[in-house]
Amino acid sequence: MNTLAHPTRMQHEKVQELLLHAQIAPLSDADHACVEEHIFVCDDCAASAVDLDATTRQLRALPVFASPELVRATQSRVRTRARQINRERWRTAPMLFVSGLVVVFTILAAPFAWFGLGWLAEEFGMSMELQLLSFFLFYLIPAGASITLAMVHHRKSQQEEWARR
């Protein structure tokens, strides 16, 4: 039996939901094709689509007015949130600066570390594997410290956000 000829209740519900969603945002190509196929064979859903589209156009044509109190309250909340975001940026700036310093230091110090570890390897008879491990740790420790700082900062920011709510 062809499902397009006899739409199921589930298809009707899905299409009705997609029709509502289409009034807010464009549908994906697959969803759009599903709706088109369904309303081609289902007169009830086709009529619903036309009615919903007409109603949405009428609602969008209505002017929307806000009271001066609502406008002032909204502006005040937006300004307050902008100040909070600004404070967060200033709190984040030192962490970003230090992380940048870590990166610059690590890049600039890499040749010195390699030659220094090479000298230590010759002086104390270290194997190449130990020399490579030491060089890897040279990069890992500052990066780990930077990541730890970032995690602590993020956790503190989350706790402050939760406390504000």
N, C-alpha and C. Protein backbone atom coordinates (compact mmCIF):
# COMPACT_ATOMS: atom_id res chain seq x y z
N MET A 1 0.85 -1.18 0.00
CA MET A 1 0.00 0.00 0.00
C MET A 1 0.89 1.24 0.00
N ASN A 2 0.62 2.20 -0.81
CA ASN A 2 1.39 3.43 -0.94
C ASN A 2 1.07 4.37 0.22
N THR A 3 2.09 4.76 0.97
CA THR A 3 1.85 5.63 2.12
C THR A 3 1.50 7.04 1.70
N LEU A 4 1.89 7.45 0.49
CA LEU A 4 1.53 8.79 0.03
C LEU A 4 0.03 8.88 -0.25
N ALA A 5 -0.57 7.78 -0.71
CA ALA A 5 -1.99 7.78 -1.00
C ALA A 5 -2.83 7.82 0.28
N HIS A 6 -2.32 7.24 1.36
CA HIS A 6 -3.05 7.20 2.62
C HIS A 6 -2.13 7.67 3.76
N PRO A 7 -2.04 8.99 3.98
CA PRO A 7 -1.16 9.49 5.03
C PRO A 7 -1.59 9.00 6.41
N THR A 8 -0.61 8.69 7.24
CA THR A 8 -0.90 8.23 8.60
C THR A 8 -1.05 9.43 9.53
N ARG A 9 -1.58 9.16 10.71
CA ARG A 9 -1.77 10.21 11.73
C ARG A 9 -0.41 10.82 12.10
N MET A 10 0.61 9.97 12.17
CA MET A 10 1.95 10.45 12.52
C MET A 10 2.47 11.41 11.44
N GLN A 11 2.19 11.09 10.18
CA GLN A 11 2.60 11.99 9.10
C GLN A 11 1.88 13.34 9.22
N HIS A 12 0.58 13.30 9.53
CA HIS A 12 -0.17 14.55 9.72
C HIS A 12 0.45 15.40 10.83
N GLU A 13 0.74 14.76 11.96
CA GLU A 13 1.31 15.49 13.10
C GLU A 13 2.68 16.07 12.75
N LYS A 14 3.49 15.28 12.06
CA LYS A 14 4.82 15.76 11.68
C LYS A 14 4.71 16.94 10.72
N VAL A 15 3.83 16.84 9.75
CA VAL A 15 3.66 17.91 8.77
C VAL A 15 3.11 19.15 9.46
N GLN A 16 2.16 19.00 10.37
CA GLN A 16 1.62 20.15 11.09
C GLN A 16 2.73 20.85 11.89
N GLU A 17 3.59 20.06 12.53
CA GLU A 17 4.72 20.63 13.28
C GLU A 17 5.69 21.34 12.34
N LEU A 18 5.97 20.74 11.20
CA LEU A 18 6.88 21.36 10.23
C LEU A 18 6.27 22.64 9.65
N LEU A 19 4.96 22.65 9.44
CA LEU A 19 4.31 23.87 8.94
C LEU A 19 4.46 25.01 9.95
N LEU A 20 4.30 24.70 11.22
CA LEU A 20 4.50 25.72 12.26
C LEU A 20 5.94 26.20 12.29
N HIS A 21 6.86 25.25 12.21
CA HIS A 21 8.28 25.60 12.22
C HIS A 21 8.65 26.47 11.02
N ALA A 22 8.04 26.20 9.87
CA ALA A 22 8.34 26.95 8.66
C ALA A 22 7.94 28.42 8.78
N GLN A 23 7.03 28.73 9.69
CA GLN A 23 6.64 30.12 9.89
C GLN A 23 7.71 30.90 10.66
N ILE A 24 8.60 30.17 11.33
CA ILE A 24 9.65 30.80 12.14
C ILE A 24 10.97 30.81 11.39
N ALA A 25 11.33 29.68 10.79
CA ALA A 25 12.62 29.56 10.12
C ALA A 25 12.45 28.65 8.90
N PRO A 26 13.32 28.81 7.91
CA PRO A 26 13.22 27.94 6.72
C PRO A 26 13.45 26.48 7.09
N LEU A 27 12.76 25.62 6.38
CA LEU A 27 12.91 24.18 6.59
C LEU A 27 14.11 23.66 5.80
N SER A 28 14.64 22.54 6.26
CA SER A 28 15.70 21.88 5.49
C SER A 28 15.08 21.36 4.19
N ASP A 29 15.92 21.05 3.23
CA ASP A 29 15.42 20.55 1.94
C ASP A 29 14.60 19.27 2.12
N ALA A 30 15.06 18.39 3.00
CA ALA A 30 14.35 17.13 3.22
C ALA A 30 12.98 17.37 3.85
N ASP A 31 12.93 18.25 4.86
CA ASP A 31 11.65 18.55 5.51
C ASP A 31 10.71 19.25 4.54
N HIS A 32 11.24 20.16 3.75
CA HIS A 32 10.41 20.89 2.77
C HIS A 32 9.81 19.90 1.77
N ALA A 33 10.63 18.95 1.30
CA ALA A 33 10.14 17.93 0.36
C ALA A 33 9.06 17.07 1.00
N CYS A 34 9.25 16.73 2.27
CA CYS A 34 8.27 15.91 3.00
C CYS A 34 6.93 16.64 3.08
N VAL A 35 6.98 17.94 3.42
CA VAL A 35 5.75 18.73 3.52
C VAL A 35 5.07 18.83 2.15
N GLU A 36 5.85 19.13 1.12
CA GLU A 36 5.28 19.27 -0.22
C GLU A 36 4.60 17.98 -0.67
N GLU A 37 5.26 16.85 -0.46
CA GLU A 37 4.68 15.55 -0.86
C GLU A 37 3.38 15.30 -0.10
N HIS A 38 3.39 15.61 1.20
CA HIS A 38 2.22 15.31 2.02
C HIS A 38 1.04 16.21 1.65
N ILE A 39 1.27 17.51 1.50
CA ILE A 39 0.13 18.38 1.21
C ILE A 39 -0.39 18.18 -0.22
N PHE A 40 0.42 17.54 -1.07
CA PHE A 40 -0.04 17.21 -2.41
C PHE A 40 -1.16 16.17 -2.36
N VAL A 41 -1.10 15.25 -1.38
CA VAL A 41 -2.09 14.16 -1.28
C VAL A 41 -3.08 14.36 -0.14
N CYS A 42 -2.84 15.35 0.73
CA CYS A 42 -3.70 15.53 1.90
C CYS A 42 -4.34 16.91 1.85
N ASP A 43 -5.63 16.94 1.53
CA ASP A 43 -6.35 18.21 1.41
C ASP A 43 -6.43 18.95 2.74
N ASP A 44 -6.58 18.23 3.85
CA ASP A 44 -6.68 18.88 5.16
C ASP A 44 -5.39 19.63 5.51
N CYS A 45 -4.26 18.99 5.30
CA CYS A 45 -2.97 19.64 5.60
C CYS A 45 -2.68 20.77 4.63
N ALA A 46 -3.11 20.61 3.37
CA ALA A 46 -2.93 21.69 2.39
C ALA A 46 -3.72 22.92 2.81
N ALA A 47 -4.98 22.69 3.27
CA ALA A 47 -5.81 23.81 3.74
C ALA A 47 -5.20 24.44 4.99
N SER A 48 -4.67 23.61 5.89
CA SER A 48 -4.02 24.13 7.09
C SER A 48 -2.82 24.99 6.73
N ALA A 49 -2.05 24.55 5.74
CA ALA A 49 -0.87 25.31 5.32
C ALA A 49 -1.27 26.67 4.78
N VAL A 50 -2.32 26.73 3.96
CA VAL A 50 -2.79 28.00 3.41
C VAL A 50 -3.29 28.91 4.53
N ASP A 51 -4.11 28.35 5.45
CA ASP A 51 -4.65 29.14 6.56
C ASP A 51 -3.53 29.67 7.47
N LEU A 52 -2.58 28.81 7.77
CA LEU A 52 -1.48 29.20 8.65
C LEU A 52 -0.65 30.31 8.01
N ASP A 53 -0.40 30.19 6.71
CA ASP A 53 0.38 31.20 6.01
C ASP A 53 -0.36 32.54 6.01
N ALA A 54 -1.67 32.51 5.76
CA ALA A 54 -2.46 33.74 5.75
C ALA A 54 -2.49 34.38 7.14
N THR A 55 -2.67 33.58 8.15
CA THR A 55 -2.70 34.09 9.52
C THR A 55 -1.36 34.71 9.91
N THR A 56 -0.28 34.06 9.56
CA THR A 56 1.05 34.58 9.88
C THR A 56 1.28 35.91 9.18
N ARG A 57 0.89 36.00 7.91
CA ARG A 57 1.04 37.28 7.19
C ARG A 57 0.23 38.38 7.86
N GLN A 58 -0.98 38.08 8.31
CA GLN A 58 -1.81 39.09 8.99
C GLN A 58 -1.18 39.53 10.31
N LEU A 59 -0.66 38.57 11.07
CA LEU A 59 -0.02 38.91 12.35
C LEU A 59 1.22 39.76 12.15
N ARG A 60 2.00 39.45 11.12
CA ARG A 60 3.21 40.22 10.86
C ARG A 60 2.90 41.63 10.36
N ALA A 61 1.71 41.84 9.83
CA ALA A 61 1.32 43.15 9.34
C ALA A 61 0.89 44.08 10.48
N LEU A 62 0.55 43.53 11.64
CA LEU A 62 0.12 44.35 12.77
C LEU A 62 1.29 45.13 13.35
N PRO A 63 1.09 46.43 13.61
CA PRO A 63 2.17 47.19 14.25
C PRO A 63 2.30 46.79 15.72
N VAL A 64 3.52 46.82 16.21
CA VAL A 64 3.78 46.47 17.61
C VAL A 64 4.29 47.72 18.31
N PHE A 65 3.65 48.07 19.41
CA PHE A 65 4.04 49.24 20.17
C PHE A 65 4.48 48.81 21.56
N ALA A 66 5.48 49.50 22.06
CA ALA A 66 5.95 49.23 23.42
C ALA A 66 5.79 50.50 24.23
N SER A 67 5.40 50.33 25.47
CA SER A 67 5.23 51.50 26.34
C SER A 67 6.60 52.10 26.66
N PRO A 68 6.66 53.39 26.97
CA PRO A 68 7.94 54.01 27.32
C PRO A 68 8.60 53.34 28.52
N GLU A 69 7.80 52.85 29.47
CA GLU A 69 8.37 52.15 30.63
C GLU A 69 9.07 50.86 30.22
N LEU A 70 8.43 50.13 29.31
CA LEU A 70 9.04 48.88 28.82
C LEU A 70 10.33 49.17 28.07
N VAL A 71 10.33 50.23 27.25
CA VAL A 71 11.54 50.59 26.50
C VAL A 71 12.66 50.96 27.46
N ARG A 72 12.35 51.78 28.48
CA ARG A 72 13.38 52.17 29.46
C ARG A 72 13.90 50.97 30.23
N ALA A 73 13.00 50.10 30.66
CA ALA A 73 13.42 48.91 31.41
C ALA A 73 14.31 48.02 30.55
N THR A 74 13.94 47.83 29.29
CA THR A 74 14.74 47.00 28.38
C THR A 74 16.10 47.62 28.14
N GLN A 75 16.14 48.93 27.91
CA GLN A 75 17.42 49.61 27.70
C GLN A 75 18.30 49.48 28.94
N SER A 76 17.71 49.61 30.11
CA SER A 76 18.48 49.48 31.35
C SER A 76 19.07 48.08 31.49
N ARG A 77 18.29 47.07 31.17
CA ARG A 77 18.78 45.68 31.26
C ARG A 77 19.89 45.43 30.25
N VAL A 78 19.74 45.98 29.06
CA VAL A 78 20.77 45.81 28.02
C VAL A 78 22.06 46.48 28.47
N ARG A 79 21.96 47.69 29.02
CA ARG A 79 23.17 48.38 29.49
C ARG A 79 23.83 47.62 30.64
N THR A 80 23.02 47.10 31.55
CA THR A 80 23.57 46.32 32.68
C THR A 80 24.30 45.09 32.16
N ARG A 81 23.71 44.40 31.21
CA ARG A 81 24.35 43.20 30.66
C ARG A 81 25.63 43.58 29.91
N ALA A 82 25.61 44.71 29.19
CA ALA A 82 26.82 45.15 28.48
C ALA A 82 27.94 45.44 29.47
N ARG A 83 27.61 46.05 30.62
CA ARG A 83 28.64 46.30 31.65
C ARG A 83 29.18 44.98 32.21
N GLN A 84 28.30 44.00 32.41
CA GLN A 84 28.75 42.69 32.90
C GLN A 84 29.70 42.04 31.90
N ILE A 85 29.37 42.12 30.63
CA ILE A 85 30.23 41.53 29.59
C ILE A 85 31.57 42.25 29.57
N ASN A 86 31.55 43.56 29.70
CA ASN A 86 32.79 44.35 29.72
C ASN A 86 33.67 43.96 30.90
N ARG A 87 33.06 43.80 32.08
CA ARG A 87 33.83 43.38 33.26
C ARG A 87 34.43 41.99 33.05
N GLU A 88 33.67 41.12 32.42
CA GLU A 88 34.17 39.77 32.14
C GLU A 88 35.37 39.83 31.19
N ARG A 89 35.31 40.71 30.21
CA ARG A 89 36.45 40.86 29.29
C ARG A 89 37.68 41.32 30.04
N TRP A 90 37.51 42.29 30.94
CA TRP A 90 38.66 42.80 31.69
C TRP A 90 39.23 41.74 32.62
N ARG A 91 38.35 40.88 33.14
CA ARG A 91 38.83 39.80 33.99
C ARG A 91 39.55 38.74 33.18
N THR A 92 39.16 38.57 31.94
CA THR A 92 39.76 37.56 31.07
C THR A 92 41.08 38.05 30.47
N ALA A 93 41.24 39.35 30.32
CA ALA A 93 42.43 39.91 29.67
C ALA A 93 43.74 39.44 30.30
N PRO A 94 43.92 39.49 31.64
CA PRO A 94 45.19 39.03 32.20
C PRO A 94 45.48 37.56 31.89
N MET A 95 44.43 36.73 31.92
CA MET A 95 44.62 35.31 31.64
C MET A 95 45.08 35.13 30.18
N LEU A 96 44.46 35.86 29.27
CA LEU A 96 44.86 35.77 27.87
C LEU A 96 46.29 36.29 27.67
N PHE A 97 46.63 37.34 28.37
CA PHE A 97 47.98 37.90 28.27
C PHE A 97 49.01 36.88 28.75
N VAL A 98 48.75 36.27 29.90
CA VAL A 98 49.68 35.28 30.44
C VAL A 98 49.77 34.06 29.52
N SER A 99 48.65 33.63 28.98
CA SER A 99 48.67 32.50 28.04
C SER A 99 49.50 32.84 26.81
N GLY A 100 49.34 34.06 26.32
CA GLY A 100 50.15 34.51 25.19
C GLY A 100 51.63 34.52 25.52
N LEU A 101 51.97 34.99 26.74
CA LEU A 101 53.37 34.98 27.16
C LEU A 101 53.92 33.57 27.21
N VAL A 102 53.12 32.64 27.69
CA VAL A 102 53.54 31.24 27.75
C VAL A 102 53.88 30.74 26.35
N VAL A 103 53.01 31.04 25.39
CA VAL A 103 53.24 30.59 24.02
C VAL A 103 54.52 31.22 23.46
N VAL A 104 54.66 32.54 23.63
CA VAL A 104 55.84 33.23 23.10
C VAL A 104 57.11 32.71 23.77
N PHE A 105 57.08 32.56 25.09
CA PHE A 105 58.25 32.05 25.81
C PHE A 105 58.62 30.66 25.31
N THR A 106 57.63 29.82 25.15
CA THR A 106 57.90 28.44 24.73
C THR A 106 58.50 28.41 23.33
N ILE A 107 57.97 29.22 22.43
CA ILE A 107 58.51 29.24 21.06
C ILE A 107 59.93 29.78 21.05
N LEU A 108 60.16 30.88 21.77
CA LEU A 108 61.49 31.48 21.78
C LEU A 108 62.52 30.61 22.50
N ALA A 109 62.07 29.91 23.52
CA ALA A 109 63.00 29.12 24.31
C ALA A 109 63.26 27.73 23.74
N ALA A 110 62.48 27.31 22.76
CA ALA A 110 62.62 25.95 22.22
C ALA A 110 64.03 25.63 21.72
N PRO A 111 64.65 26.50 20.91
CA PRO A 111 66.00 26.15 20.45
C PRO A 111 67.00 26.03 21.61
N PHE A 112 66.89 26.95 22.58
CA PHE A 112 67.79 26.89 23.73
C PHE A 112 67.56 25.62 24.54
N ALA A 113 66.30 25.25 24.71
CA ALA A 113 65.99 24.03 25.44
C ALA A 113 66.55 22.81 24.72
N TRP A 114 66.40 22.77 23.40
CA TRP A 114 66.89 21.63 22.63
C TRP A 114 68.41 21.51 22.75
N PHE A 115 69.11 22.65 22.58
CA PHE A 115 70.56 22.60 22.69
C PHE A 115 70.99 22.29 24.12
N GLY A 116 70.28 22.86 25.11
CA GLY A 116 70.60 22.58 26.51
C GLY A 116 70.39 21.12 26.86
N LEU A 117 69.28 20.57 26.38
CA LEU A 117 69.03 19.15 26.64
C LEU A 117 70.03 18.27 25.90
N GLY A 118 70.45 18.72 24.72
CA GLY A 118 71.49 17.98 23.97
C GLY A 118 72.80 17.97 24.74
N TRP A 119 73.16 19.12 25.32
CA TRP A 119 74.38 19.20 26.12
C TRP A 119 74.28 18.29 27.34
N LEU A 120 73.09 18.33 28.04
CA LEU A 120 72.89 17.44 29.20
C LEU A 120 72.96 15.98 28.79
N ALA A 121 72.40 15.66 27.64
CA ALA A 121 72.42 14.28 27.17
C ALA A 121 73.85 13.79 26.95
N GLU A 122 74.70 14.65 26.37
CA GLU A 122 76.09 14.27 26.16
C GLU A 122 76.84 14.19 27.49
N GLU A 123 76.59 15.19 28.34
CA GLU A 123 77.31 15.29 29.62
C GLU A 123 76.99 14.11 30.54
N PHE A 124 75.72 13.71 30.58
CA PHE A 124 75.32 12.67 31.53
C PHE A 124 74.94 11.36 30.86
N GLY A 125 75.15 11.27 29.58
CA GLY A 125 74.89 10.02 28.87
C GLY A 125 73.41 9.66 28.79
N MET A 126 72.58 10.68 28.64
CA MET A 126 71.13 10.43 28.53
C MET A 126 70.83 9.84 27.16
N SER A 127 69.85 8.97 27.14
CA SER A 127 69.44 8.39 25.86
C SER A 127 68.63 9.42 25.07
N MET A 128 68.51 9.19 23.79
CA MET A 128 67.74 10.09 22.93
C MET A 128 66.27 10.12 23.36
N GLU A 129 65.76 8.96 23.82
CA GLU A 129 64.38 8.89 24.28
C GLU A 129 64.16 9.80 25.49
N LEU A 130 65.10 9.78 26.43
CA LEU A 130 65.00 10.63 27.62
C LEU A 130 65.13 12.10 27.24
N GLN A 131 65.99 12.40 26.27
CA GLN A 131 66.14 13.77 25.80
C GLN A 131 64.82 14.25 25.16
N LEU A 132 64.20 13.42 24.34
CA LEU A 132 62.93 13.79 23.71
C LEU A 132 61.82 13.94 24.75
N LEU A 133 61.80 13.05 25.74
CA LEU A 133 60.81 13.14 26.81
C LEU A 133 60.98 14.44 27.59
N SER A 134 62.22 14.80 27.89
CA SER A 134 62.49 16.05 28.60
C SER A 134 62.04 17.25 27.78
N PHE A 135 62.31 17.22 26.48
CA PHE A 135 61.88 18.31 25.61
C PHE A 135 60.36 18.39 25.56
N PHE A 136 59.69 17.24 25.48
CA PHE A 136 58.23 17.20 25.48
C PHE A 136 57.69 17.80 26.78
N LEU A 137 58.27 17.44 27.92
CA LEU A 137 57.83 17.99 29.20
C LEU A 137 58.07 19.50 29.28
N PHE A 138 59.14 19.97 28.62
CA PHE A 138 59.41 21.39 28.56
C PHE A 138 58.21 22.14 27.95
N TYR A 139 57.57 21.53 26.97
CA TYR A 139 56.39 22.13 26.36
C TYR A 139 55.13 21.84 27.16
N LEU A 140 55.05 20.68 27.75
CA LEU A 140 53.83 20.24 28.43
C LEU A 140 53.57 21.01 29.72
N ILE A 141 54.59 21.27 30.50
CA ILE A 141 54.38 21.92 31.80
C ILE A 141 53.80 23.33 31.66
N PRO A 142 54.37 24.21 30.84
CA PRO A 142 53.74 25.54 30.70
C PRO A 142 52.33 25.46 30.10
N ALA A 143 52.14 24.58 29.13
CA ALA A 143 50.81 24.44 28.54
C ALA A 143 49.82 23.93 29.58
N GLY A 144 50.24 22.98 30.39
CA GLY A 144 49.37 22.46 31.45
C GLY A 144 49.01 23.53 32.46
N ALA A 145 49.99 24.35 32.82
CA ALA A 145 49.71 25.44 33.75
C ALA A 145 48.73 26.43 33.14
N SER A 146 48.91 26.74 31.88
CA SER A 146 48.01 27.67 31.19
C SER A 146 46.59 27.11 31.11
N ILE A 147 46.47 25.83 30.79
CA ILE A 147 45.16 25.19 30.72
C ILE A 147 44.50 25.16 32.09
N THR A 148 45.29 24.89 33.13
CA THR A 148 44.75 24.88 34.49
C THR A 148 44.22 26.26 34.87
N LEU A 149 44.97 27.31 34.55
CA LEU A 149 44.50 28.67 34.82
C LEU A 149 43.20 28.96 34.08
N ALA A 150 43.13 28.55 32.83
CA ALA A 150 41.92 28.79 32.06
C ALA A 150 40.73 28.04 32.66
N MET A 151 40.93 26.80 33.10
CA MET A 151 39.84 26.03 33.70
C MET A 151 39.38 26.66 35.00
N VAL A 152 40.32 27.11 35.83
CA VAL A 152 39.95 27.76 37.10
C VAL A 152 39.16 29.03 36.81
N HIS A 153 39.61 29.82 35.86
CA HIS A 153 38.91 31.05 35.51
C HIS A 153 37.51 30.75 34.99
N HIS A 154 37.40 29.73 34.14
CA HIS A 154 36.09 29.37 33.58
C HIS A 154 35.14 28.91 34.68
N ARG A 155 35.65 28.10 35.60
CA ARG A 155 34.81 27.61 36.69
C ARG A 155 34.35 28.77 37.58
N LYS A 156 35.25 29.70 37.85
CA LYS A 156 34.89 30.86 38.67
C LYS A 156 33.83 31.70 37.96
N SER A 157 33.97 31.88 36.65
CA SER A 157 32.98 32.64 35.88
C SER A 157 31.63 31.95 35.90
N GLN A 158 31.63 30.62 35.78
CA GLN A 158 30.38 29.87 35.82
C GLN A 158 29.70 30.02 37.18
N GLN A 159 30.48 29.92 38.26
CA GLN A 159 29.91 30.05 39.59
C GLN A 159 29.31 31.44 39.79
N GLU A 160 29.99 32.47 39.29
CA GLU A 160 29.45 33.82 39.41
C GLU A 160 28.17 33.97 38.60
N GLU A 161 28.13 33.36 37.43
CA GLU A 161 26.92 33.42 36.60
C GLU A 161 25.76 32.71 37.29
N TRP A 162 26.02 31.57 37.88
CA TRP A 162 24.97 30.84 38.61
C TRP A 162 24.49 31.65 39.81
N ALA A 163 25.42 32.31 40.50
CA ALA A 163 25.05 33.12 41.66
C ALA A 163 24.18 34.32 41.24
N ARG A 164 24.45 34.88 40.06
CA ARG A 164 23.64 36.00 39.56
C ARG A 164 22.23 35.55 39.27
N ARG A 165 22.07 34.33 38.84
CA ARG A 165 20.73 33.83 38.48
C ARG A 165 20.01 33.52 39.75
